[in-house]
Amino acid sequence: MLKKLSIKELVCYAISAAIALIGLIFLIIGIVADNLGVNSPLYQIQASFPWRYLGFILIAVAVVFAIIVLALSAKKVDRISDREARRKQRLS
C-alpha cells in the first residue's frame, strides 16, 4: 500500500536533506583547504576550525534525523492499517 507523505514528513525530510547538504559543503571545503597549501587563507581558517569533522557530524545528524522521521511515520502507518484491519474484521 502506497502512502502519501504528509506535509510534516515532507518538511522534516527537506530539513534533513538541507542539513546533509550543508555537511557535504563543509566536508568539501575541509578537503580543499587541506590540499591548498599552508599559505592559503582557507587553510589558516581550517587549521583553527576543522571543517571536515563538522561536515561528518552534520551528515550524521541529518541521517539520524531522517531515520527517526522514517521510523515514526512507519509506526503511524502500521497503527492505521491495524486499526482498519480490526474494523474490517468486526464488520464482517
PDB file of N, CA and C in Angstrom:
ATOM      1  N   MET A   1       0.843  -1.174   0.000  1.00  0.00           N
ATOM      2  CA  MET A   1       0.000   0.000   0.000  1.00  0.00           C
ATOM      3  C   MET A   1       0.890   1.239   0.000  1.00  0.00           C
ATOM      4  N   LEU A   2       0.667   2.096  -0.955  1.00  0.00           N
ATOM      5  CA  LEU A   2       1.443   3.317  -1.075  1.00  0.00           C
ATOM      6  C   LEU A   2       0.784   4.415  -0.257  1.00  0.00           C
ATOM      7  N   LYS A   3       1.566   5.061   0.583  1.00  0.00           N
ATOM      8  CA  LYS A   3       1.031   6.089   1.456  1.00  0.00           C
ATOM      9  C   LYS A   3       1.525   7.451   0.993  1.00  0.00           C
ATOM     10  N   LYS A   4       0.632   8.413   0.972  1.00  0.00           N
ATOM     11  CA  LYS A   4       1.009   9.762   0.601  1.00  0.00           C
ATOM     12  C   LYS A   4       1.740  10.414   1.773  1.00  0.00           C
ATOM     13  N   LEU A   5       2.816  11.136   1.480  1.00  0.00           N
ATOM     14  CA  LEU A   5       3.559  11.815   2.530  1.00  0.00           C
ATOM     15  C   LEU A   5       2.762  12.984   3.072  1.00  0.00           C
ATOM     16  N   SER A   6       2.780  13.134   4.378  1.00  0.00           N
ATOM     17  CA  SER A   6       2.130  14.298   4.969  1.00  0.00           C
ATOM     18  C   SER A   6       3.073  15.499   4.845  1.00  0.00           C
ATOM     19  N   ILE A   7       2.518  16.653   5.046  1.00  0.00           N
ATOM     20  CA  ILE A   7       3.313  17.887   4.943  1.00  0.00           C
ATOM     21  C   ILE A   7       4.409  17.900   6.004  1.00  0.00           C
ATOM     22  N   LYS A   8       4.075  17.413   7.194  1.00  0.00           N
ATOM     23  CA  LYS A   8       5.050  17.390   8.290  1.00  0.00           C
ATOM     24  C   LYS A   8       6.249  16.498   7.948  1.00  0.00           C
ATOM     25  N   GLU A   9       5.970  15.323   7.379  1.00  0.00           N
ATOM     26  CA  GLU A   9       7.058  14.418   6.995  1.00  0.00           C
ATOM     27  C   GLU A   9       7.901  15.026   5.876  1.00  0.00           C
ATOM     28  N   LEU A  10       7.245  15.636   4.910  1.00  0.00           N
ATOM     29  CA  LEU A  10       7.961  16.253   3.792  1.00  0.00           C
ATOM     30  C   LEU A  10       8.874  17.375   4.276  1.00  0.00           C
ATOM     31  N   VAL A  11       8.386  18.180   5.210  1.00  0.00           N
ATOM     32  CA  VAL A  11       9.205  19.261   5.765  1.00  0.00           C
ATOM     33  C   VAL A  11      10.390  18.686   6.534  1.00  0.00           C
ATOM     34  N   CYS A  12      10.163  17.625   7.311  1.00  0.00           N
ATOM     35  CA  CYS A  12      11.259  17.012   8.072  1.00  0.00           C
ATOM     36  C   CYS A  12      12.321  16.417   7.141  1.00  0.00           C
ATOM     37  N   TYR A  13      11.876  15.776   6.053  1.00  0.00           N
ATOM     38  CA  TYR A  13      12.836  15.237   5.090  1.00  0.00           C
ATOM     39  C   TYR A  13      13.596  16.354   4.390  1.00  0.00           C
ATOM     40  N   ALA A  14      12.933  17.458   4.101  1.00  0.00           N
ATOM     41  CA  ALA A  14      13.609  18.590   3.458  1.00  0.00           C
ATOM     42  C   ALA A  14      14.642  19.212   4.391  1.00  0.00           C
ATOM     43  N   ILE A  15      14.305  19.323   5.677  1.00  0.00           N
ATOM     44  CA  ILE A  15      15.261  19.844   6.656  1.00  0.00           C
ATOM     45  C   ILE A  15      16.453  18.903   6.769  1.00  0.00           C
ATOM     46  N   SER A  16      16.195  17.620   6.790  1.00  0.00           N
ATOM     47  CA  SER A  16      17.273  16.638   6.870  1.00  0.00           C
ATOM     48  C   SER A  16      18.181  16.720   5.641  1.00  0.00           C
ATOM     49  N   ALA A  17      17.587  16.874   4.469  1.00  0.00           N
ATOM     50  CA  ALA A  17      18.384  16.987   3.247  1.00  0.00           C
ATOM     51  C   ALA A  17      19.206  18.271   3.243  1.00  0.00           C
ATOM     52  N   ALA A  18      18.629  19.359   3.754  1.00  0.00           N
ATOM     53  CA  ALA A  18      19.371  20.626   3.809  1.00  0.00           C
ATOM     54  C   ALA A  18      20.559  20.525   4.766  1.00  0.00           C
ATOM     55  N   ILE A  19      20.360  19.880   5.909  1.00  0.00           N
ATOM     56  CA  ILE A  19      21.459  19.699   6.868  1.00  0.00           C
ATOM     57  C   ILE A  19      22.557  18.827   6.252  1.00  0.00           C
ATOM     58  N   ALA A  20      22.153  17.767   5.548  1.00  0.00           N
ATOM     59  CA  ALA A  20      23.144  16.894   4.908  1.00  0.00           C
ATOM     60  C   ALA A  20      23.899  17.641   3.811  1.00  0.00           C
ATOM     61  N   LEU A  21      23.214  18.499   3.066  1.00  0.00           N
ATOM     62  CA  LEU A  21      23.872  19.279   2.018  1.00  0.00           C
ATOM     63  C   LEU A  21      24.879  20.264   2.609  1.00  0.00           C
ATOM     64  N   ILE A  22      24.515  20.910   3.701  1.00  0.00           N
ATOM     65  CA  ILE A  22      25.448  21.812   4.378  1.00  0.00           C
ATOM     66  C   ILE A  22      26.656  21.028   4.890  1.00  0.00           C
ATOM     67  N   GLY A  23      26.413  19.846   5.436  1.00  0.00           N
ATOM     68  CA  GLY A  23      27.519  19.000   5.893  1.00  0.00           C
ATOM     69  C   GLY A  23      28.431  18.596   4.753  1.00  0.00           C
ATOM     70  N   LEU A  24      27.847  18.284   3.591  1.00  0.00           N
ATOM     71  CA  LEU A  24      28.649  17.933   2.424  1.00  0.00           C
ATOM     72  C   LEU A  24      29.489  19.110   1.963  1.00  0.00           C
ATOM     73  N   ILE A  25      28.922  20.304   2.004  1.00  0.00           N
ATOM     74  CA  ILE A  25      29.676  21.506   1.620  1.00  0.00           C
ATOM     75  C   ILE A  25      30.847  21.723   2.564  1.00  0.00           C
ATOM     76  N   PHE A  26      30.605  21.585   3.892  1.00  0.00           N
ATOM     77  CA  PHE A  26      31.703  21.727   4.858  1.00  0.00           C
ATOM     78  C   PHE A  26      32.770  20.659   4.642  1.00  0.00           C
ATOM     79  N   LEU A  27      32.340  19.463   4.302  1.00  0.00           N
ATOM     80  CA  LEU A  27      33.283  18.374   4.045  1.00  0.00           C
ATOM     81  C   LEU A  27      34.157  18.700   2.837  1.00  0.00           C
ATOM     82  N   ILE A  28      33.559  19.202   1.787  1.00  0.00           N
ATOM     83  CA  ILE A  28      34.319  19.564   0.584  1.00  0.00           C
ATOM     84  C   ILE A  28      35.261  20.726   0.871  1.00  0.00           C
ATOM     85  N   ILE A  29      34.791  21.718   1.625  1.00  0.00           N
ATOM     86  CA  ILE A  29      35.658  22.845   1.981  1.00  0.00           C
ATOM     87  C   ILE A  29      36.859  22.365   2.786  1.00  0.00           C
ATOM     88  N   GLY A  30      36.635  21.428   3.711  1.00  0.00           N
ATOM     89  CA  GLY A  30      37.745  20.901   4.507  1.00  0.00           C
ATOM     90  C   GLY A  30      38.755  20.151   3.668  1.00  0.00           C
ATOM     91  N   ILE A  31      38.290  19.371   2.694  1.00  0.00           N
ATOM     92  CA  ILE A  31      39.207  18.627   1.825  1.00  0.00           C
ATOM     93  C   ILE A  31      40.007  19.586   0.939  1.00  0.00           C
ATOM     94  N   VAL A  32      39.319  20.584   0.394  1.00  0.00           N
ATOM     95  CA  VAL A  32      40.007  21.567  -0.456  1.00  0.00           C
ATOM     96  C   VAL A  32      41.021  22.354   0.357  1.00  0.00           C
ATOM     97  N   ALA A  33      40.661  22.744   1.579  1.00  0.00           N
ATOM     98  CA  ALA A  33      41.576  23.514   2.422  1.00  0.00           C
ATOM     99  C   ALA A  33      42.814  22.712   2.766  1.00  0.00           C
ATOM    100  N   ASP A  34      42.676  21.403   2.966  1.00  0.00           N
ATOM    101  CA  ASP A  34      43.850  20.582   3.259  1.00  0.00           C
ATOM    102  C   ASP A  34      44.805  20.498   2.079  1.00  0.00           C
ATOM    103  N   ASN A  35      44.265  20.566   0.869  1.00  0.00           N
ATOM    104  CA  ASN A  35      45.096  20.395  -0.313  1.00  0.00           C
ATOM    105  C   ASN A  35      45.586  21.697  -0.934  1.00  0.00           C
ATOM    106  N   LEU A  36      45.208  22.846  -0.410  1.00  0.00           N
ATOM    107  CA  LEU A  36      45.627  24.118  -0.993  1.00  0.00           C
ATOM    108  C   LEU A  36      47.062  24.486  -0.654  1.00  0.00           C
ATOM    109  N   GLY A  37      47.445  24.294   0.541  1.00  0.00           N
ATOM    110  CA  GLY A  37      48.788  24.658   0.950  1.00  0.00           C
ATOM    111  C   GLY A  37      48.738  25.502   2.207  1.00  0.00           C
ATOM    112  N   VAL A  38      49.897  25.669   2.825  1.00  0.00           N
ATOM    113  CA  VAL A  38      49.972  26.327   4.123  1.00  0.00           C
ATOM    114  C   VAL A  38      49.716  27.830   4.016  1.00  0.00           C
ATOM    115  N   ASN A  39      50.042  28.464   2.904  1.00  0.00           N
ATOM    116  CA  ASN A  39      49.908  29.914   2.776  1.00  0.00           C
ATOM    117  C   ASN A  39      48.496  30.368   2.417  1.00  0.00           C
ATOM    118  N   SER A  40      47.606  29.457   2.175  1.00  0.00           N
ATOM    119  CA  SER A  40      46.248  29.805   1.789  1.00  0.00           C
ATOM    120  C   SER A  40      45.439  30.271   3.002  1.00  0.00           C
ATOM    121  N   PRO A  41      44.619  31.318   2.833  1.00  0.00           N
ATOM    122  CA  PRO A  41      43.794  31.759   3.966  1.00  0.00           C
ATOM    123  C   PRO A  41      42.761  30.706   4.390  1.00  0.00           C
ATOM    124  N   LEU A  42      42.275  29.926   3.431  1.00  0.00           N
ATOM    125  CA  LEU A  42      41.328  28.873   3.762  1.00  0.00           C
ATOM    126  C   LEU A  42      41.994  27.798   4.624  1.00  0.00           C
ATOM    127  N   TYR A  43      43.254  27.520   4.362  1.00  0.00           N
ATOM    128  CA  TYR A  43      43.988  26.556   5.180  1.00  0.00           C
ATOM    129  C   TYR A  43      44.193  27.105   6.587  1.00  0.00           C
ATOM    130  N   GLN A  44      44.463  28.414   6.696  1.00  0.00           N
ATOM    131  CA  GLN A  44      44.657  29.022   8.014  1.00  0.00           C
ATOM    132  C   GLN A  44      43.375  28.930   8.847  1.00  0.00           C
ATOM    133  N   ILE A  45      42.243  29.174   8.213  1.00  0.00           N
ATOM    134  CA  ILE A  45      40.958  29.059   8.920  1.00  0.00           C
ATOM    135  C   ILE A  45      40.701  27.603   9.299  1.00  0.00           C
ATOM    136  N   GLN A  46      41.007  26.692   8.381  1.00  0.00           N
ATOM    137  CA  GLN A  46      40.755  25.282   8.613  1.00  0.00           C
ATOM    138  C   GLN A  46      41.659  24.736   9.705  1.00  0.00           C
ATOM    139  N   ALA A  47      42.831  25.318   9.884  1.00  0.00           N
ATOM    140  CA  ALA A  47      43.744  24.852  10.926  1.00  0.00           C
ATOM    141  C   ALA A  47      43.162  25.118  12.319  1.00  0.00           C
ATOM    142  N   SER A  48      42.421  26.215  12.465  1.00  0.00           N
ATOM    143  CA  SER A  48      41.846  26.511  13.773  1.00  0.00           C
ATOM    144  C   SER A  48      40.454  25.899  13.953  1.00  0.00           C
ATOM    145  N   PHE A  49      39.779  25.589  12.848  1.00  0.00           N
ATOM    146  CA  PHE A  49      38.430  25.036  12.906  1.00  0.00           C
ATOM    147  C   PHE A  49      38.307  23.923  11.873  1.00  0.00           C
ATOM    148  N   PRO A  50      38.239  22.663  12.303  1.00  0.00           N
ATOM    149  CA  PRO A  50      38.239  21.549  11.341  1.00  0.00           C
ATOM    150  C   PRO A  50      36.907  21.404  10.598  1.00  0.00           C
ATOM    151  N   TRP A  51      36.842  21.915   9.385  1.00  0.00           N
ATOM    152  CA  TRP A  51      35.628  21.889   8.581  1.00  0.00           C
ATOM    153  C   TRP A  51      35.200  20.460   8.248  1.00  0.00           C
ATOM    154  N   ARG A  52      36.180  19.606   8.009  1.00  0.00           N
ATOM    155  CA  ARG A  52      35.873  18.232   7.604  1.00  0.00           C
ATOM    156  C   ARG A  52      35.094  17.489   8.692  1.00  0.00           C
ATOM    157  N   TYR A  53      35.505  17.659   9.928  1.00  0.00           N
ATOM    158  CA  TYR A  53      34.819  16.966  11.023  1.00  0.00           C
ATOM    159  C   TYR A  53      33.422  17.527  11.240  1.00  0.00           C
ATOM    160  N   LEU A  54      33.268  18.822  11.074  1.00  0.00           N
ATOM    161  CA  LEU A  54      31.943  19.420  11.176  1.00  0.00           C
ATOM    162  C   LEU A  54      31.026  18.874  10.085  1.00  0.00           C
ATOM    163  N   GLY A  55      31.568  18.667   8.891  1.00  0.00           N
ATOM    164  CA  GLY A  55      30.791  18.082   7.800  1.00  0.00           C
ATOM    165  C   GLY A  55      30.337  16.669   8.128  1.00  0.00           C
ATOM    166  N   PHE A  56      31.244  15.853   8.666  1.00  0.00           N
ATOM    167  CA  PHE A  56      30.877  14.495   9.063  1.00  0.00           C
ATOM    168  C   PHE A  56      29.770  14.503  10.124  1.00  0.00           C
ATOM    169  N   ILE A  57      29.898  15.389  11.097  1.00  0.00           N
ATOM    170  CA  ILE A  57      28.918  15.457  12.179  1.00  0.00           C
ATOM    171  C   ILE A  57      27.558  15.884  11.641  1.00  0.00           C
ATOM    172  N   LEU A  58      27.535  16.881  10.759  1.00  0.00           N
ATOM    173  CA  LEU A  58      26.263  17.347  10.207  1.00  0.00           C
ATOM    174  C   LEU A  58      25.587  16.274   9.355  1.00  0.00           C
ATOM    175  N   ILE A  59      26.359  15.553   8.568  1.00  0.00           N
ATOM    176  CA  ILE A  59      25.777  14.477   7.761  1.00  0.00           C
ATOM    177  C   ILE A  59      25.228  13.376   8.665  1.00  0.00           C
ATOM    178  N   ALA A  60      25.944  13.040   9.720  1.00  0.00           N
ATOM    179  CA  ALA A  60      25.462  12.014  10.653  1.00  0.00           C
ATOM    180  C   ALA A  60      24.178  12.460  11.350  1.00  0.00           C
ATOM    181  N   VAL A  61      24.105  13.728  11.746  1.00  0.00           N
ATOM    182  CA  VAL A  61      22.896  14.252  12.388  1.00  0.00           C
ATOM    183  C   VAL A  61      21.713  14.198  11.421  1.00  0.00           C
ATOM    184  N   ALA A  62      21.959  14.551  10.164  1.00  0.00           N
ATOM    185  CA  ALA A  62      20.885  14.523   9.165  1.00  0.00           C
ATOM    186  C   ALA A  62      20.379  13.103   8.928  1.00  0.00           C
ATOM    187  N   VAL A  63      21.280  12.145   8.886  1.00  0.00           N
ATOM    188  CA  VAL A  63      20.881  10.750   8.677  1.00  0.00           C
ATOM    189  C   VAL A  63      20.075  10.233   9.872  1.00  0.00           C
ATOM    190  N   VAL A  64      20.511  10.533  11.067  1.00  0.00           N
ATOM    191  CA  VAL A  64      19.786  10.097  12.263  1.00  0.00           C
ATOM    192  C   VAL A  64      18.401  10.743  12.303  1.00  0.00           C
ATOM    193  N   PHE A  65      18.307  12.021  11.966  1.00  0.00           N
ATOM    194  CA  PHE A  65      17.031  12.716  11.947  1.00  0.00           C
ATOM    195  C   PHE A  65      16.083  12.089  10.923  1.00  0.00           C
ATOM    196  N   ALA A  66      16.596  11.774   9.742  1.00  0.00           N
ATOM    197  CA  ALA A  66      15.763  11.152   8.703  1.00  0.00           C
ATOM    198  C   ALA A  66      15.311   9.755   9.120  1.00  0.00           C
ATOM    199  N   ILE A  67      16.176   9.003   9.784  1.00  0.00           N
ATOM    200  CA  ILE A  67      15.805   7.661  10.244  1.00  0.00           C
ATOM    201  C   ILE A  67      14.721   7.736  11.316  1.00  0.00           C
ATOM    202  N   ILE A  68      14.817   8.710  12.212  1.00  0.00           N
ATOM    203  CA  ILE A  68      13.795   8.874  13.246  1.00  0.00           C
ATOM    204  C   ILE A  68      12.452   9.221  12.626  1.00  0.00           C
ATOM    205  N   VAL A  69      12.450  10.136  11.658  1.00  0.00           N
ATOM    206  CA  VAL A  69      11.203  10.514  10.990  1.00  0.00           C
ATOM    207  C   VAL A  69      10.626   9.318  10.244  1.00  0.00           C
ATOM    208  N   LEU A  70      11.469   8.556   9.577  1.00  0.00           N
ATOM    209  CA  LEU A  70      11.010   7.379   8.848  1.00  0.00           C
ATOM    210  C   LEU A  70      10.411   6.332   9.786  1.00  0.00           C
ATOM    211  N   ALA A  71      11.055   6.103  10.922  1.00  0.00           N
ATOM    212  CA  ALA A  71      10.546   5.120  11.883  1.00  0.00           C
ATOM    213  C   ALA A  71       9.212   5.559  12.469  1.00  0.00           C
ATOM    214  N   LEU A  72       9.088   6.835  12.793  1.00  0.00           N
ATOM    215  CA  LEU A  72       7.830   7.329  13.354  1.00  0.00           C
ATOM    216  C   LEU A  72       6.697   7.256  12.339  1.00  0.00           C
ATOM    217  N   SER A  73       6.981   7.586  11.095  1.00  0.00           N
ATOM    218  CA  SER A  73       5.924   7.520  10.082  1.00  0.00           C
ATOM    219  C   SER A  73       5.542   6.067   9.782  1.00  0.00           C
ATOM    220  N   ALA A  74       6.500   5.150   9.815  1.00  0.00           N
ATOM    221  CA  ALA A  74       6.197   3.736   9.603  1.00  0.00           C
ATOM    222  C   ALA A  74       5.333   3.192  10.741  1.00  0.00           C
ATOM    223  N   LYS A  75       5.625   3.608  11.955  1.00  0.00           N
ATOM    224  CA  LYS A  75       4.818   3.181  13.100  1.00  0.00           C
ATOM    225  C   LYS A  75       3.388   3.711  12.977  1.00  0.00           C
ATOM    226  N   LYS A  76       3.267   4.945  12.510  1.00  0.00           N
ATOM    227  CA  LYS A  76       1.938   5.539  12.329  1.00  0.00           C
ATOM    228  C   LYS A  76       1.137   4.793  11.267  1.00  0.00           C
ATOM    229  N   VAL A  77       1.785   4.433  10.168  1.00  0.00           N
ATOM    230  CA  VAL A  77       1.110   3.690   9.102  1.00  0.00           C
ATOM    231  C   VAL A  77       0.704   2.305   9.595  1.00  0.00           C
ATOM    232  N   ASP A  78       1.556   1.649  10.365  1.00  0.00           N
ATOM    233  CA  ASP A  78       1.209   0.342  10.922  1.00  0.00           C
ATOM    234  C   ASP A  78      -0.002   0.429  11.853  1.00  0.00           C
ATOM    235  N   ARG A  79      -0.044   1.467  12.670  1.00  0.00           N
ATOM    236  CA  ARG A  79      -1.180   1.656  13.565  1.00  0.00           C
ATOM    237  C   ARG A  79      -2.476   1.847  12.785  1.00  0.00           C
ATOM    238  N   ILE A  80      -2.417   2.638  11.723  1.00  0.00           N
ATOM    239  CA  ILE A  80      -3.609   2.894  10.914  1.00  0.00           C
ATOM    240  C   ILE A  80      -4.068   1.622  10.210  1.00  0.00           C
ATOM    241  N   SER A  81      -3.118   0.868   9.651  1.00  0.00           N
ATOM    242  CA  SER A  81      -3.504  -0.360   8.949  1.00  0.00           C
ATOM    243  C   SER A  81      -4.055  -1.401   9.918  1.00  0.00           C
ATOM    244  N   ASP A  82      -3.497  -1.496  11.129  1.00  0.00           N
ATOM    245  CA  ASP A  82      -4.039  -2.418  12.133  1.00  0.00           C
ATOM    246  C   ASP A  82      -5.453  -2.018  12.540  1.00  0.00           C
ATOM    247  N   ARG A  83      -5.677  -0.723  12.704  1.00  0.00           N
ATOM    248  CA  ARG A  83      -7.000  -0.242  13.067  1.00  0.00           C
ATOM    249  C   ARG A  83      -8.018  -0.560  11.973  1.00  0.00           C
ATOM    250  N   GLU A  84      -7.619  -0.368  10.714  1.00  0.00           N
ATOM    251  CA  GLU A  84      -8.522  -0.682   9.602  1.00  0.00           C
ATOM    252  C   GLU A  84      -8.796  -2.184   9.524  1.00  0.00           C
ATOM    253  N   ALA A  85      -7.784  -3.026   9.789  1.00  0.00           N
ATOM    254  CA  ALA A  85      -7.975  -4.477   9.758  1.00  0.00           C
ATOM    255  C   ALA A  85      -8.922  -4.920  10.868  1.00  0.00           C
ATOM    256  N   ARG A  86      -8.787  -4.357  12.067  1.00  0.00           N
ATOM    257  CA  ARG A  86      -9.701  -4.698  13.164  1.00  0.00           C
ATOM    258  C   ARG A  86     -11.128  -4.257  12.850  1.00  0.00           C
ATOM    259  N   ARG A  87     -11.250  -3.062  12.273  1.00  0.00           N
ATOM    260  CA  ARG A  87     -12.579  -2.573  11.908  1.00  0.00           C
ATOM    261  C   ARG A  87     -13.220  -3.457  10.855  1.00  0.00           C
ATOM    262  N   LYS A  88     -12.436  -3.885   9.881  1.00  0.00           N
ATOM    263  CA  LYS A  88     -12.953  -4.761   8.827  1.00  0.00           C
ATOM    264  C   LYS A  88     -13.367  -6.121   9.395  1.00  0.00           C
ATOM    265  N   GLN A  89     -12.581  -6.617  10.356  1.00  0.00           N
ATOM    266  CA  GLN A  89     -12.887  -7.905  10.973  1.00  0.00           C
ATOM    267  C   GLN A  89     -14.173  -7.828  11.796  1.00  0.00           C
ATOM    268  N   ARG A  90     -14.384  -6.722  12.500  1.00  0.00           N
ATOM    269  CA  ARG A  90     -15.615  -6.567  13.277  1.00  0.00           C
ATOM    270  C   ARG A  90     -16.844  -6.470  12.393  1.00  0.00           C
ATOM    271  N   LEU A  91     -16.709  -5.820  11.250  1.00  0.00           N
ATOM    272  CA  LEU A  91     -17.852  -5.616  10.376  1.00  0.00           C
ATOM    273  C   LEU A  91     -18.210  -6.862   9.561  1.00  0.00           C
ATOM    274  N   SER A  92     -17.272  -7.775   9.397  1.00  0.00           N
ATOM    275  CA  SER A  92     -17.585  -8.968   8.597  1.00  0.00           C
ATOM    276  C   SER A  92     -18.022 -10.145   9.437  1.00  0.00           C
TER     277      SER A  92
END
